[in-house]
Amino acid sequence: MTDTAQRAQVARKTCPFLNAKQTAFHLGLACSTLKRMRQTGTGPKCRMHGRMCRYHIDDIEAWSAARARGGDDA
């Protein structure tokens, strides 16, 4: 199991929602890039919990998987 998969598994067991900073780190993006993607609608789905934007780990993984390129799937 990869490190990313292990971290996702831990997140699912503890709390499946990540804040913007955690999400950006998980995806290897700058927080400002994630914010811009959220504003333009090109990033992973987010949910507003009060005034806080939260990302569900499944939405993050689905968004990332949809952007996979190359490999032997062709």
N, C-alpha and C. Protein backbone atom coordinates (compact mmCIF):
# COMPACT_ATOMS: atom_id res chain seq x y z
N MET A 1 0.86 -1.17 0.00
CA MET A 1 0.00 0.00 0.00
C MET A 1 0.90 1.24 0.00
N THR A 2 0.58 2.21 -0.84
CA THR A 2 1.39 3.41 -0.93
C THR A 2 1.14 4.32 0.26
N ASP A 3 2.04 5.26 0.45
CA ASP A 3 1.92 6.22 1.54
C ASP A 3 0.63 7.02 1.41
N THR A 4 0.29 7.42 0.20
CA THR A 4 -0.95 8.18 -0.04
C THR A 4 -2.17 7.34 0.33
N ALA A 5 -2.16 6.08 -0.06
CA ALA A 5 -3.28 5.20 0.26
C ALA A 5 -3.39 5.00 1.78
N GLN A 6 -2.26 4.88 2.45
CA GLN A 6 -2.28 4.73 3.90
C GLN A 6 -2.83 5.98 4.58
N ARG A 7 -2.40 7.16 4.10
CA ARG A 7 -2.90 8.40 4.68
C ARG A 7 -4.40 8.55 4.43
N ALA A 8 -4.85 8.17 3.25
CA ALA A 8 -6.27 8.25 2.94
C ALA A 8 -7.07 7.30 3.83
N GLN A 9 -6.52 6.12 4.05
CA GLN A 9 -7.19 5.13 4.91
C GLN A 9 -7.31 5.66 6.34
N VAL A 10 -6.25 6.26 6.85
CA VAL A 10 -6.29 6.85 8.20
C VAL A 10 -7.32 7.98 8.25
N ALA A 11 -7.36 8.80 7.21
CA ALA A 11 -8.32 9.91 7.16
C ALA A 11 -9.74 9.38 7.18
N ARG A 12 -10.00 8.31 6.46
CA ARG A 12 -11.35 7.73 6.44
C ARG A 12 -11.76 7.22 7.81
N LYS A 13 -10.81 6.64 8.54
CA LYS A 13 -11.11 6.07 9.85
C LYS A 13 -11.31 7.15 10.90
N THR A 14 -10.56 8.23 10.80
CA THR A 14 -10.63 9.28 11.82
C THR A 14 -11.65 10.33 11.43
N CYS A 15 -11.40 11.06 10.37
CA CYS A 15 -12.32 12.08 9.88
C CYS A 15 -12.11 12.17 8.38
N PRO A 16 -13.15 11.93 7.60
CA PRO A 16 -12.98 11.92 6.15
C PRO A 16 -12.87 13.32 5.54
N PHE A 17 -13.01 14.37 6.33
CA PHE A 17 -12.96 15.73 5.80
C PHE A 17 -11.62 16.38 6.12
N LEU A 18 -11.03 17.00 5.09
CA LEU A 18 -9.78 17.72 5.23
C LEU A 18 -10.04 19.21 5.00
N ASN A 19 -9.27 20.05 5.68
CA ASN A 19 -9.39 21.48 5.40
C ASN A 19 -8.56 21.79 4.15
N ALA A 20 -8.59 23.04 3.72
CA ALA A 20 -7.91 23.42 2.48
C ALA A 20 -6.40 23.19 2.56
N LYS A 21 -5.80 23.51 3.69
CA LYS A 21 -4.36 23.32 3.84
C LYS A 21 -3.98 21.85 3.75
N GLN A 22 -4.74 20.99 4.42
CA GLN A 22 -4.48 19.55 4.38
C GLN A 22 -4.70 19.01 2.96
N THR A 23 -5.75 19.49 2.30
CA THR A 23 -6.05 19.03 0.94
C THR A 23 -4.95 19.43 -0.02
N ALA A 24 -4.50 20.67 0.07
CA ALA A 24 -3.43 21.14 -0.80
C ALA A 24 -2.18 20.29 -0.59
N PHE A 25 -1.83 20.01 0.66
CA PHE A 25 -0.67 19.17 0.96
C PHE A 25 -0.85 17.78 0.37
N HIS A 26 -2.03 17.20 0.55
CA HIS A 26 -2.33 15.86 0.06
C HIS A 26 -2.16 15.78 -1.46
N LEU A 27 -2.56 16.85 -2.16
CA LEU A 27 -2.48 16.87 -3.62
C LEU A 27 -1.16 17.41 -4.15
N GLY A 28 -0.33 17.93 -3.26
CA GLY A 28 0.94 18.50 -3.70
C GLY A 28 0.78 19.85 -4.38
N LEU A 29 -0.21 20.61 -3.94
CA LEU A 29 -0.50 21.93 -4.50
C LEU A 29 -0.24 23.01 -3.46
N ALA A 30 -0.05 24.23 -3.93
CA ALA A 30 0.00 25.37 -3.03
C ALA A 30 -1.44 25.70 -2.61
N CYS A 31 -1.61 26.20 -1.41
CA CYS A 31 -2.95 26.58 -0.94
C CYS A 31 -3.58 27.60 -1.88
N SER A 32 -2.79 28.52 -2.39
CA SER A 32 -3.33 29.54 -3.29
C SER A 32 -3.82 28.92 -4.60
N THR A 33 -3.15 27.88 -5.07
CA THR A 33 -3.59 27.18 -6.28
C THR A 33 -4.92 26.48 -6.03
N LEU A 34 -5.03 25.80 -4.90
CA LEU A 34 -6.29 25.13 -4.56
C LEU A 34 -7.42 26.14 -4.43
N LYS A 35 -7.15 27.27 -3.81
CA LYS A 35 -8.17 28.31 -3.67
C LYS A 35 -8.62 28.81 -5.03
N ARG A 36 -7.67 29.07 -5.93
CA ARG A 36 -8.00 29.54 -7.28
C ARG A 36 -8.82 28.48 -8.02
N MET A 37 -8.47 27.21 -7.85
CA MET A 37 -9.21 26.13 -8.50
C MET A 37 -10.63 26.05 -7.95
N ARG A 38 -10.78 26.28 -6.65
CA ARG A 38 -12.11 26.27 -6.03
C ARG A 38 -12.95 27.41 -6.60
N GLN A 39 -12.35 28.59 -6.73
CA GLN A 39 -13.06 29.76 -7.24
C GLN A 39 -13.47 29.61 -8.69
N THR A 40 -12.66 28.92 -9.49
CA THR A 40 -12.98 28.75 -10.91
C THR A 40 -13.76 27.46 -11.19
N GLY A 41 -13.94 26.63 -10.15
CA GLY A 41 -14.70 25.39 -10.33
C GLY A 41 -13.91 24.28 -10.97
N THR A 42 -12.59 24.36 -10.96
CA THR A 42 -11.78 23.32 -11.60
C THR A 42 -11.14 22.36 -10.60
N GLY A 43 -11.29 22.61 -9.33
CA GLY A 43 -10.69 21.76 -8.30
C GLY A 43 -11.65 20.68 -7.83
N PRO A 44 -11.23 19.93 -6.81
CA PRO A 44 -12.11 18.91 -6.25
C PRO A 44 -13.32 19.56 -5.57
N LYS A 45 -14.41 18.78 -5.49
CA LYS A 45 -15.61 19.29 -4.82
C LYS A 45 -15.29 19.63 -3.38
N CYS A 46 -15.87 20.73 -2.92
CA CYS A 46 -15.71 21.09 -1.52
C CYS A 46 -17.09 21.34 -0.92
N ARG A 47 -17.14 21.29 0.37
CA ARG A 47 -18.40 21.49 1.11
C ARG A 47 -18.16 22.55 2.16
N MET A 48 -19.11 23.43 2.29
CA MET A 48 -19.00 24.47 3.30
C MET A 48 -19.59 23.96 4.61
N HIS A 49 -18.79 23.94 5.63
CA HIS A 49 -19.23 23.56 6.98
C HIS A 49 -19.09 24.85 7.79
N GLY A 50 -20.19 25.56 7.90
CA GLY A 50 -20.13 26.89 8.50
C GLY A 50 -19.38 27.80 7.54
N ARG A 51 -18.34 28.43 8.01
CA ARG A 51 -17.52 29.29 7.16
C ARG A 51 -16.30 28.57 6.62
N MET A 52 -16.14 27.31 7.01
CA MET A 52 -14.96 26.54 6.61
C MET A 52 -15.25 25.66 5.40
N CYS A 53 -14.33 25.69 4.47
CA CYS A 53 -14.42 24.83 3.29
C CYS A 53 -13.76 23.50 3.64
N ARG A 54 -14.48 22.42 3.45
CA ARG A 54 -13.95 21.08 3.74
C ARG A 54 -14.02 20.21 2.50
N TYR A 55 -13.03 19.36 2.37
CA TYR A 55 -12.94 18.44 1.24
C TYR A 55 -13.05 17.01 1.76
N HIS A 56 -13.93 16.23 1.17
CA HIS A 56 -14.05 14.83 1.56
C HIS A 56 -12.96 14.04 0.84
N ILE A 57 -12.32 13.14 1.54
CA ILE A 57 -11.20 12.39 0.99
C ILE A 57 -11.60 11.62 -0.28
N ASP A 58 -12.83 11.11 -0.35
CA ASP A 58 -13.28 10.40 -1.55
C ASP A 58 -13.39 11.34 -2.74
N ASP A 59 -13.85 12.58 -2.52
CA ASP A 59 -13.94 13.57 -3.59
C ASP A 59 -12.55 13.96 -4.08
N ILE A 60 -11.61 14.08 -3.15
CA ILE A 60 -10.24 14.42 -3.52
C ILE A 60 -9.64 13.32 -4.38
N GLU A 61 -9.79 12.08 -3.95
CA GLU A 61 -9.23 10.95 -4.69
C GLU A 61 -9.90 10.78 -6.05
N ALA A 62 -11.23 10.98 -6.13
CA ALA A 62 -11.94 10.87 -7.41
C ALA A 62 -11.47 11.96 -8.37
N TRP A 63 -11.31 13.18 -7.87
CA TRP A 63 -10.86 14.29 -8.69
C TRP A 63 -9.45 13.99 -9.23
N SER A 64 -8.59 13.50 -8.37
CA SER A 64 -7.22 13.19 -8.77
C SER A 64 -7.20 12.05 -9.80
N ALA A 65 -7.96 11.00 -9.55
CA ALA A 65 -7.98 9.85 -10.47
C ALA A 65 -8.50 10.23 -11.85
N ALA A 66 -9.42 11.18 -11.90
CA ALA A 66 -9.98 11.61 -13.19
C ALA A 66 -8.94 12.35 -14.04
N ARG A 67 -7.84 12.76 -13.44
CA ARG A 67 -6.80 13.49 -14.15
C ARG A 67 -5.59 12.62 -14.48
N ALA A 68 -5.70 11.32 -14.28
CA ALA A 68 -4.58 10.42 -14.57
C ALA A 68 -4.31 10.40 -16.07
N ARG A 69 -3.03 10.36 -16.41
CA ARG A 69 -2.62 10.33 -17.82
C ARG A 69 -1.57 9.26 -18.02
N GLY A 70 -1.46 8.81 -19.26
CA GLY A 70 -0.42 7.86 -19.62
C GLY A 70 -0.63 6.48 -19.06
N GLY A 71 0.42 5.74 -18.98
CA GLY A 71 0.33 4.38 -18.45
C GLY A 71 -0.08 3.38 -19.51
N ASP A 72 -0.45 2.20 -19.08
CA ASP A 72 -0.79 1.11 -19.98
C ASP A 72 -2.29 0.96 -20.21
N ASP A 73 -3.08 1.94 -19.84
CA ASP A 73 -4.53 1.82 -19.96
C ASP A 73 -5.03 2.05 -21.38
N ALA A 74 -4.18 2.46 -22.29
CA ALA A 74 -4.59 2.82 -23.64
C ALA A 74 -4.95 1.64 -24.47
